Amino acid sequence: MLEKKFWNEKMETLNREEVERIRLRRLRKQLKYCYTYSEFYKRKFDEVGFLPGDIKIWEDFRKIPPLMDKEEERQSQKESIERFGHPFGIHLCCPLEKIVMAKTTGGTTGLPTFSYSFTQHDYDRWNEGTARGYWLSGLRPGDRVLFCFPLSGGWAGSIVKTPLQYMGILCLDIGAETPVEKIVEYAKMTRPNVLMSTPSFAETLIETYPKLTGKPVSELGIKKLLLSGEPGVAIPSIRRRMEEAFGGKWTDFLMINSEGFSSSCPAEEYQGLHEVALDLSIWSDDLIDLDTKKPIEVKDGAIGEGLITSMNREGLPLIKYRLGDVIQVFTKSCECGYPGPGNRIKHIGRLSDRLLVEGVGVFPIAVRDAVMSFIPRVTGAMRIVLTEPPPNITPPLKIKVEHGPDVEPSQLPDLAKEIEERMFQLYRVRPKVEFVPPEALGRVTKKTPMFEEKYQ
């Protein structure tokens, strides 16, 4: 039998006109549902002077300002705890007993939010949208996935892996908090052909596996790398190093607050993340300006903050939700031939992480991308050193960088100048680079920190 090209060919191969018809119909139904069954959304729509019936065309919807952000979501949860004794928020649109899965965000910036909580309908919707992205990334029934995202707390330990079972894929889940030597022992025993983890964990495995076994990590036979949560895949030198070490292909994915279903394709050159479920959620087609919060034109290369809106979701739908992620949108067709009508997306960073150096905005991910492009003369490990509270930074922007093991001390001044000049050319910000020895910044199996805060 010929392998199917798409997880859901009917929905993924619709043309843009057909998608827009489905979207507008589902959007109007979702807005009416939220206004009818949620005290929070009724209040919000009344405040901004829009009623669901006012949405006749797409442009009508774009005129609506953001309705919710993470802090408002937390306040909604606090109110529901106080008034109703449950933590799901007054934006809950269904009877409480219909919620069958309750998962939270990690809570690293405050009270965890229950964005990954589902009714059975929403759980099936999540698996469907995510499966489309996983299929595009190359996962297939019969694969054996070594799942090394953190298992304890938060969403990743269970929500990201449930679509694997839905697709008929074996998930070998052993959390990133497990000692690396135990993970290596487990991998040698189970012989996975796929690794799902952060790039930081994959890097740790590359460095640690030879020390533990005397053999390169490619000996494991992992041919597919689905690595997410950190930058790197868009940098040719980093992607090449990772793929050569494992002997596999690196793709990434992003399903943001259980919406915005998107994955990268296996194209030789990284093309960004393809949106694969335009019938289930809105994200990159609803861009606002980073500062004014006004709608901006969605065209090839546009940069803005994407607003999330759910469609066909019954428990905790998100409407015009500001998560604070800055994205660049590409509307042109991809060389991989994926026919979906969705945009491609490059995740630039968190708006809350943006640093302003003499009025010039720069994101930590961009700084790391620039530094990592100098591998192997640097290890790739770096920290932005903050001596004052962000976002306004007194120049120069200080960066601590691990130099490569084969770099002589006499070569460091010239290397620093190269990195500083690259940063200035790319972002009009000239940093000050301080070098430290290899592994001086430590290694993590979870998400690598970007900042070293010295002002606290």
Protein backbone atom coordinates (compact mmCIF):
# COMPACT_ATOMS: atom_id res chain seq x y z
CA MET A 1 0.00 0.00 0.00
CA LEU A 2 1.16 3.52 -0.77
CA GLU A 3 1.75 5.60 2.36
CA LYS A 4 -0.72 8.44 2.75
CA LYS A 5 0.80 11.90 2.41
CA PHE A 6 -1.31 13.60 5.06
CA TRP A 7 -2.88 12.69 8.35
CA ASN A 8 -6.18 14.29 7.28
CA GLU A 9 -6.06 14.76 3.52
CA LYS A 10 -9.55 16.20 3.27
CA MET A 11 -8.88 19.12 5.62
CA GLU A 12 -5.19 19.65 4.88
CA THR A 13 -5.57 20.01 1.13
CA LEU A 14 -8.44 22.49 1.05
CA ASN A 15 -7.79 25.66 -0.90
CA ARG A 16 -7.78 28.99 0.87
CA GLU A 17 -11.27 29.97 -0.27
CA GLU A 18 -12.74 26.73 1.08
CA VAL A 19 -10.89 27.14 4.37
CA GLU A 20 -12.14 30.69 4.82
CA ARG A 21 -15.75 29.58 4.38
CA ILE A 22 -15.31 26.89 7.03
CA ARG A 23 -13.47 29.26 9.33
CA LEU A 24 -16.05 32.03 9.20
CA ARG A 25 -18.89 29.60 9.84
CA ARG A 26 -17.08 27.95 12.77
CA LEU A 27 -15.85 31.28 14.14
CA ARG A 28 -19.33 32.79 14.28
CA LYS A 29 -20.64 29.63 15.95
CA GLN A 30 -17.79 29.69 18.51
CA LEU A 31 -18.31 33.36 19.36
CA LYS A 32 -22.04 32.90 19.85
CA TYR A 33 -21.37 29.84 22.04
CA CYS A 34 -18.87 31.74 24.24
CA TYR A 35 -21.15 34.76 24.59
CA THR A 36 -24.07 32.54 25.58
CA TYR A 37 -22.35 30.22 28.06
CA SER A 38 -19.47 32.22 29.56
CA GLU A 39 -19.93 35.11 31.96
CA PHE A 40 -16.37 36.22 31.18
CA TYR A 41 -16.83 36.43 27.42
CA LYS A 42 -20.24 38.09 27.64
CA ARG A 43 -18.68 40.77 29.82
CA LYS A 44 -15.72 41.19 27.46
CA PHE A 45 -17.81 41.48 24.30
CA ASP A 46 -20.11 43.99 25.98
CA GLU A 47 -17.07 46.05 27.08
CA VAL A 48 -15.61 46.32 23.57
CA GLY A 49 -19.01 46.94 21.95
CA PHE A 50 -19.09 43.86 19.74
CA LEU A 51 -21.72 41.14 19.65
CA PRO A 52 -21.17 37.78 17.94
CA GLY A 53 -23.86 38.68 15.43
CA ASP A 54 -21.80 41.69 14.33
CA ILE A 55 -19.22 39.39 12.73
CA LYS A 56 -20.30 39.12 9.11
CA ILE A 57 -16.90 38.96 7.38
CA TRP A 58 -13.31 38.29 8.40
CA GLU A 59 -12.44 42.01 8.59
CA ASP A 60 -15.17 42.48 11.22
CA PHE A 61 -13.43 39.97 13.46
CA ARG A 62 -10.01 41.60 13.03
CA LYS A 63 -11.39 44.90 14.34
CA ILE A 64 -12.05 43.36 17.75
CA PRO A 65 -9.21 44.23 20.18
CA PRO A 66 -7.51 41.55 22.30
CA LEU A 67 -9.95 40.15 24.87
CA MET A 68 -7.70 38.11 27.14
CA ASP A 69 -4.11 37.52 28.20
CA LYS A 70 -2.42 35.19 30.65
CA GLU A 71 -2.87 37.55 33.62
CA GLU A 72 -6.59 37.91 32.88
CA GLU A 73 -6.78 34.14 32.57
CA ARG A 74 -5.27 33.84 36.05
CA GLN A 75 -7.73 36.39 37.43
CA SER A 76 -10.57 34.44 35.82
CA GLN A 77 -9.31 31.30 37.58
CA LYS A 78 -9.03 33.06 40.93
CA GLU A 79 -12.59 34.34 40.59
CA SER A 80 -13.95 30.88 39.79
CA ILE A 81 -12.13 29.42 42.80
CA GLU A 82 -13.63 32.03 45.10
CA ARG A 83 -17.15 31.89 43.65
CA PHE A 84 -17.59 28.33 42.43
CA GLY A 85 -14.83 26.27 44.05
CA HIS A 86 -13.11 25.20 40.84
CA PRO A 87 -9.90 26.51 39.16
CA PHE A 88 -10.92 26.53 35.49
CA GLY A 89 -12.01 30.15 35.35
CA ILE A 90 -15.22 31.99 34.64
CA HIS A 91 -14.37 31.70 30.95
CA LEU A 92 -15.37 28.03 31.25
CA CYS A 93 -18.17 27.47 28.73
CA CYS A 94 -19.42 24.00 29.63
CA PRO A 95 -20.71 22.23 32.75
CA LEU A 96 -17.84 21.38 35.09
CA GLU A 97 -18.56 17.65 34.93
CA LYS A 98 -17.74 17.61 31.20
CA ILE A 99 -14.05 18.32 31.89
CA VAL A 100 -12.25 14.96 31.66
CA MET A 101 -8.61 16.12 31.61
CA ALA A 102 -7.08 18.92 33.68
CA LYS A 103 -3.51 19.91 32.83
CA THR A 104 -1.79 23.18 33.57
CA THR A 105 1.02 25.26 32.18
CA GLY A 106 4.29 25.12 34.10
CA GLY A 107 3.56 28.23 36.18
CA THR A 108 7.09 29.62 35.78
CA THR A 109 5.81 33.21 35.63
CA GLY A 110 2.92 32.96 38.08
CA LEU A 111 -0.16 30.90 38.89
CA PRO A 112 -0.37 27.90 36.51
CA THR A 113 -3.21 28.19 34.03
CA PHE A 114 -5.52 25.33 33.05
CA SER A 115 -5.23 25.95 29.29
CA TYR A 116 -4.60 22.25 28.62
CA SER A 117 -7.85 21.08 30.19
CA PHE A 118 -10.31 19.32 27.93
CA THR A 119 -13.75 17.86 27.56
CA GLN A 120 -13.76 14.57 25.66
CA HIS A 121 -14.63 16.51 22.50
CA ASP A 122 -11.72 18.89 23.06
CA TYR A 123 -9.36 16.03 23.84
CA ASP A 124 -10.24 14.38 20.52
CA ARG A 125 -9.80 17.77 18.81
CA TRP A 126 -6.34 18.18 20.38
CA ASN A 127 -5.22 14.74 19.25
CA GLU A 128 -6.48 15.39 15.72
CA GLY A 129 -4.78 18.76 15.28
CA THR A 130 -1.50 17.60 16.81
CA ALA A 131 -1.45 14.39 14.78
CA ARG A 132 -1.53 16.43 11.58
CA GLY A 133 1.63 18.22 12.65
CA TYR A 134 3.40 15.09 13.82
CA TRP A 135 2.63 13.41 10.48
CA LEU A 136 4.07 16.35 8.56
CA SER A 137 7.19 16.10 10.74
CA GLY A 138 7.65 12.50 9.67
CA LEU A 139 6.20 10.42 12.52
CA ARG A 140 4.47 7.21 11.43
CA PRO A 141 2.65 4.25 13.01
CA GLY A 142 5.26 1.73 14.07
CA ASP A 143 7.76 4.35 15.22
CA ARG A 144 9.20 4.01 18.73
CA VAL A 145 9.52 7.42 20.39
CA LEU A 146 11.97 8.06 23.22
CA PHE A 147 10.02 10.80 25.00
CA CYS A 148 12.34 12.95 27.09
CA PHE A 149 10.39 16.09 27.83
CA PRO A 150 9.82 16.70 31.56
CA LEU A 151 7.15 14.31 32.79
CA SER A 152 6.44 15.86 36.18
CA GLY A 153 4.06 18.83 36.28
CA GLY A 154 2.92 21.08 33.50
CA TRP A 155 1.57 20.02 30.14
CA ALA A 156 4.38 18.32 28.22
CA GLY A 157 4.57 15.15 30.26
CA SER A 158 1.16 13.93 29.15
CA ILE A 159 -0.52 16.21 26.63
CA VAL A 160 2.21 16.24 23.99
CA LYS A 161 2.53 12.47 23.99
CA THR A 162 -1.17 11.49 23.88
CA PRO A 163 -1.44 12.07 20.09
CA LEU A 164 1.26 9.42 19.61
CA GLN A 165 -1.03 6.70 20.91
CA TYR A 166 -3.87 8.22 18.86
CA MET A 167 -1.66 7.74 15.77
CA GLY A 168 -0.64 4.18 16.66
CA ILE A 169 2.90 5.10 17.74
CA LEU A 170 4.72 3.59 20.71
CA CYS A 171 5.74 6.22 23.28
CA LEU A 172 8.69 5.23 25.47
CA ASP A 173 8.23 7.90 28.10
CA ILE A 174 11.08 8.57 30.47
CA GLY A 175 11.22 12.15 31.68
CA ALA A 176 14.12 14.54 31.22
CA GLU A 177 14.42 14.71 35.01
CA THR A 178 15.61 11.07 34.99
CA PRO A 179 19.43 10.76 35.32
CA VAL A 180 21.01 10.64 31.86
CA GLU A 181 22.75 7.33 32.55
CA LYS A 182 19.34 5.75 33.26
CA ILE A 183 17.92 7.20 30.07
CA VAL A 184 20.85 5.79 28.08
CA GLU A 185 20.32 2.37 29.67
CA TYR A 186 16.60 2.51 28.84
CA ALA A 187 17.26 3.63 25.25
CA LYS A 188 19.76 0.83 24.64
CA MET A 189 17.17 -1.64 25.86
CA THR A 190 14.13 -0.28 23.96
CA ARG A 191 15.91 0.80 20.72
CA PRO A 192 13.85 3.88 19.78
CA ASN A 193 14.04 5.34 16.29
CA VAL A 194 12.63 8.75 17.30
CA LEU A 195 13.72 11.24 19.97
CA MET A 196 11.27 13.84 21.30
CA SER A 197 12.90 16.35 23.64
CA THR A 198 14.32 19.84 23.91
CA PRO A 199 17.45 20.57 21.87
CA SER A 200 19.26 20.98 25.20
CA PHE A 201 18.53 17.38 26.12
CA ALA A 202 19.60 16.15 22.68
CA GLU A 203 22.88 18.07 23.05
CA THR A 204 23.42 16.53 26.48
CA LEU A 205 22.84 13.07 25.02
CA ILE A 206 25.38 13.74 22.25
CA GLU A 207 28.01 14.70 24.83
CA THR A 208 27.17 12.09 27.47
CA TYR A 209 26.49 8.95 25.43
CA PRO A 210 30.15 8.42 24.33
CA LYS A 211 31.35 8.94 27.92
CA LEU A 212 28.98 6.25 29.17
CA THR A 213 29.28 3.72 26.35
CA GLY A 214 32.46 4.51 24.43
CA LYS A 215 30.38 4.80 21.25
CA PRO A 216 28.80 7.73 19.38
CA VAL A 217 25.13 8.49 20.00
CA SER A 218 24.36 7.46 16.41
CA GLU A 219 24.81 3.88 17.62
CA LEU A 220 21.30 4.13 19.11
CA GLY A 221 19.72 4.20 15.65
CA ILE A 222 17.59 7.31 16.17
CA LYS A 223 16.62 8.57 12.70
CA LYS A 224 13.96 11.16 13.55
CA LEU A 225 14.49 14.09 15.88
CA LEU A 226 11.38 15.99 16.95
CA LEU A 227 12.99 18.65 19.11
CA SER A 228 11.11 21.67 20.41
CA GLY A 229 11.02 24.37 23.05
CA GLU A 230 14.28 26.12 22.13
CA PRO A 231 15.95 27.67 19.07
CA GLY A 232 18.53 25.97 16.89
CA VAL A 233 16.78 24.18 14.05
CA ALA A 234 16.79 27.33 11.91
CA ILE A 235 20.59 27.68 12.13
CA PRO A 236 22.15 25.53 9.39
CA SER A 237 25.36 24.77 11.32
CA ILE A 238 23.45 23.70 14.45
CA ARG A 239 20.95 21.60 12.54
CA ARG A 240 23.74 19.93 10.56
CA ARG A 241 25.73 19.13 13.72
CA MET A 242 22.70 17.64 15.46
CA GLU A 243 21.64 15.59 12.44
CA GLU A 244 25.17 14.30 11.79
CA ALA A 245 25.61 13.27 15.42
CA PHE A 246 22.39 11.22 15.52
CA GLY A 247 22.21 10.29 11.85
CA GLY A 248 18.62 11.55 11.78
CA LYS A 249 16.43 14.41 10.55
CA TRP A 250 15.48 17.31 12.87
CA THR A 251 11.98 18.83 12.77
CA ASP A 252 10.14 20.86 15.39
CA PHE A 253 6.57 21.61 16.42
CA LEU A 254 4.52 24.16 18.33
CA MET A 255 1.01 23.72 19.71
CA ILE A 256 0.50 26.87 21.70
CA ASN A 257 -1.98 26.82 24.60
CA SER A 258 -3.54 23.78 22.88
CA GLU A 259 -4.05 25.87 19.74
CA GLY A 260 -1.99 27.06 16.76
CA PHE A 261 -1.20 23.52 15.59
CA SER A 262 2.03 23.77 13.60
CA SER A 263 5.07 21.67 12.69
CA SER A 264 8.07 21.95 10.42
CA CYS A 265 8.54 19.84 7.32
CA PRO A 266 11.61 17.71 6.50
CA ALA A 267 12.85 20.15 3.79
CA GLU A 268 16.64 20.37 3.53
CA GLU A 269 16.56 24.05 4.46
CA TYR A 270 14.40 24.97 7.46
CA GLN A 271 11.17 26.58 6.24
CA GLY A 272 9.53 27.48 9.54
CA LEU A 273 6.41 25.93 11.05
CA HIS A 274 3.46 25.05 8.82
CA GLU A 275 0.03 25.71 10.29
CA VAL A 276 -1.84 22.45 9.73
CA ALA A 277 -5.27 22.98 11.31
CA LEU A 278 -6.81 26.22 10.11
CA ASP A 279 -10.22 24.68 10.68
CA LEU A 280 -9.50 24.34 14.41
CA SER A 281 -7.79 27.57 15.44
CA ILE A 282 -6.69 31.04 14.36
CA TRP A 283 -3.24 32.39 15.12
CA SER A 284 -0.96 33.81 12.44
CA ASP A 285 -3.82 35.34 10.45
CA ASP A 286 -4.66 37.68 13.35
CA LEU A 287 -1.50 39.76 13.85
CA ILE A 288 -1.26 42.90 15.98
CA ASP A 289 1.51 45.47 16.32
CA LEU A 290 3.92 44.78 19.19
CA ASP A 291 3.46 48.22 20.72
CA THR A 292 0.15 49.70 19.58
CA LYS A 293 -1.76 46.36 19.65
CA LYS A 294 -3.56 47.44 16.47
CA PRO A 295 -4.17 44.94 13.61
CA ILE A 296 -1.40 44.78 11.02
CA GLU A 297 -1.50 43.41 7.50
CA VAL A 298 -0.71 39.71 7.26
CA LYS A 299 1.73 39.47 4.35
CA ASP A 300 4.93 37.62 3.55
CA GLY A 301 7.58 38.54 6.14
CA ALA A 302 5.22 40.39 8.50
CA ILE A 303 6.23 40.41 12.18
CA GLY A 304 3.73 40.81 14.99
CA GLU A 305 2.04 39.24 17.97
CA GLY A 306 -0.40 36.52 16.96
CA LEU A 307 -3.79 36.40 18.66
CA ILE A 308 -5.16 32.94 19.40
CA THR A 309 -8.81 32.10 18.78
CA SER A 310 -10.30 28.64 19.18
CA MET A 311 -12.83 27.08 16.85
CA ASN A 312 -14.90 23.98 17.59
CA ARG A 313 -13.81 23.97 21.25
CA GLU A 314 -16.35 23.57 24.04
CA GLY A 315 -14.59 23.66 27.44
CA LEU A 316 -12.06 26.48 27.68
CA PRO A 317 -12.01 28.20 24.30
CA LEU A 318 -9.65 31.12 23.82
CA ILE A 319 -10.91 34.20 21.96
CA LYS A 320 -8.53 36.97 20.82
CA TYR A 321 -5.99 35.68 23.36
CA ARG A 322 -2.67 37.49 23.78
CA LEU A 323 -0.10 34.91 24.79
CA GLY A 324 2.78 37.30 24.09
CA ASP A 325 4.55 35.29 21.39
CA VAL A 326 6.14 37.30 18.57
CA ILE A 327 6.08 35.55 15.20
CA GLN A 328 7.14 36.21 11.63
CA VAL A 329 4.68 35.03 9.00
CA PHE A 330 5.49 33.67 5.54
CA THR A 331 2.66 33.33 3.06
CA LYS A 332 4.54 31.94 0.05
CA SER A 333 4.49 28.24 -0.83
CA CYS A 334 7.11 25.99 0.72
CA GLU A 335 9.63 24.01 -1.30
CA CYS A 336 8.49 20.83 0.44
CA GLY A 337 5.27 20.88 -1.56
CA TYR A 338 2.92 20.76 1.45
CA PRO A 339 -0.32 22.05 -0.08
CA GLY A 340 -2.01 23.27 3.07
CA PRO A 341 -3.47 26.79 2.87
CA GLY A 342 -1.92 27.86 6.18
CA ASN A 343 0.96 30.25 6.67
CA ARG A 344 4.45 29.31 7.75
CA ILE A 345 5.68 30.77 11.01
CA LYS A 346 9.02 31.61 12.57
CA HIS A 347 8.85 32.00 16.33
CA ILE A 348 10.93 35.08 17.21
CA GLY A 349 10.49 35.16 20.96
CA ARG A 350 8.40 36.16 23.93
CA LEU A 351 7.35 39.81 23.97
CA SER A 352 8.04 39.87 27.72
CA ASP A 353 11.67 38.85 27.01
CA ARG A 354 12.32 41.65 24.52
CA LEU A 355 15.26 43.82 25.55
CA LEU A 356 15.56 47.47 24.53
CA VAL A 357 19.10 48.73 23.99
CA GLU A 358 19.02 52.46 23.22
CA GLY A 359 15.53 51.97 21.85
CA VAL A 360 16.44 49.00 19.65
CA GLY A 361 14.50 45.83 20.43
CA VAL A 362 16.31 42.50 20.48
CA PHE A 363 15.06 39.06 21.54
CA PRO A 364 17.18 36.55 23.50
CA ILE A 365 16.49 33.86 20.88
CA ALA A 366 18.00 36.16 18.23
CA VAL A 367 21.10 36.68 20.38
CA ARG A 368 21.47 32.95 20.85
CA ASP A 369 21.00 32.30 17.14
CA ALA A 370 23.83 34.72 16.34
CA VAL A 371 26.17 33.16 18.93
CA MET A 372 25.39 29.58 17.89
CA SER A 373 26.26 30.36 14.28
CA PHE A 374 29.92 30.43 15.43
CA ILE A 375 29.99 26.77 16.48
CA PRO A 376 32.50 25.00 16.81
CA ARG A 377 34.54 28.05 17.86
CA VAL A 378 31.91 28.40 20.59
CA THR A 379 30.04 25.54 22.26
CA GLY A 380 26.68 27.27 21.78
CA ALA A 381 26.12 27.79 25.50
CA MET A 382 25.61 31.43 26.41
CA ARG A 383 23.86 33.76 28.84
CA ILE A 384 22.73 37.35 28.55
CA VAL A 385 24.04 39.05 31.68
CA LEU A 386 21.56 41.49 33.18
CA THR A 387 22.95 44.00 35.65
CA GLU A 388 19.69 45.96 35.78
CA PRO A 389 16.02 45.02 35.49
CA PRO A 390 14.82 44.57 31.89
CA PRO A 391 13.58 45.61 29.40
CA ASN A 392 15.67 48.80 29.14
CA ILE A 393 19.36 47.90 29.05
CA THR A 394 22.22 50.36 29.36
CA PRO A 395 24.64 49.54 26.51
CA PRO A 396 26.56 47.47 25.84
CA LEU A 397 24.46 44.32 26.01
CA LYS A 398 26.61 41.88 27.99
CA ILE A 399 26.88 38.30 26.74
CA LYS A 400 28.73 35.45 28.44
CA VAL A 401 29.78 32.80 25.92
CA GLU A 402 31.54 29.44 26.22
CA HIS A 403 34.41 29.28 23.74
CA GLY A 404 35.09 26.03 21.91
CA PRO A 405 37.56 23.50 23.36
CA ASP A 406 40.03 23.97 20.49
CA VAL A 407 40.15 27.76 20.60
CA GLU A 408 43.41 29.25 21.88
CA PRO A 409 43.29 32.18 24.35
CA SER A 410 45.09 34.35 21.80
CA GLN A 411 42.20 33.84 19.36
CA LEU A 412 39.46 35.02 21.72
CA PRO A 413 39.74 38.81 21.16
CA ASP A 414 39.25 38.44 17.40
CA LEU A 415 36.41 35.96 17.91
CA ALA A 416 34.70 38.40 20.28
CA LYS A 417 34.94 41.14 17.65
CA GLU A 418 33.41 38.83 15.03
CA ILE A 419 30.44 37.98 17.25
CA GLU A 420 29.93 41.60 18.20
CA GLU A 421 30.06 42.71 14.57
CA ARG A 422 27.62 39.97 13.53
CA MET A 423 25.17 41.12 16.18
CA PHE A 424 25.45 44.71 15.02
CA GLN A 425 24.91 43.79 11.38
CA LEU A 426 21.85 41.67 12.15
CA TYR A 427 20.13 43.65 14.90
CA ARG A 428 21.88 47.07 15.15
CA VAL A 429 22.94 46.21 18.69
CA ARG A 430 26.64 45.97 19.55
CA PRO A 431 27.21 43.67 22.55
CA LYS A 432 30.19 43.06 24.79
CA VAL A 433 31.27 39.40 24.75
CA GLU A 434 32.90 37.73 27.75
CA PHE A 435 34.29 34.23 27.20
CA VAL A 436 34.24 31.39 29.73
CA PRO A 437 35.68 27.86 29.35
CA PRO A 438 33.66 24.98 27.85
CA GLU A 439 30.97 23.60 30.23
CA ALA A 440 31.47 26.53 32.62
CA LEU A 441 27.80 27.45 32.21
CA GLY A 442 26.67 23.91 33.03
CA ARG A 443 24.38 21.61 31.09
CA VAL A 444 20.67 20.98 31.53
CA THR A 445 18.31 18.31 30.23
CA LYS A 446 15.34 20.64 30.24
CA LYS A 447 15.12 24.15 28.81
CA THR A 448 18.37 26.14 28.88
CA PRO A 449 18.09 29.52 30.67
CA MET A 450 18.83 32.61 28.60
CA PHE A 451 19.60 35.11 31.36
CA GLU A 452 22.05 35.52 34.22
CA GLU A 453 20.47 38.06 36.54
CA LYS A 454 23.00 39.98 38.64
CA TYR A 455 20.76 42.80 39.77
CA GLN A 456 18.70 40.78 42.24
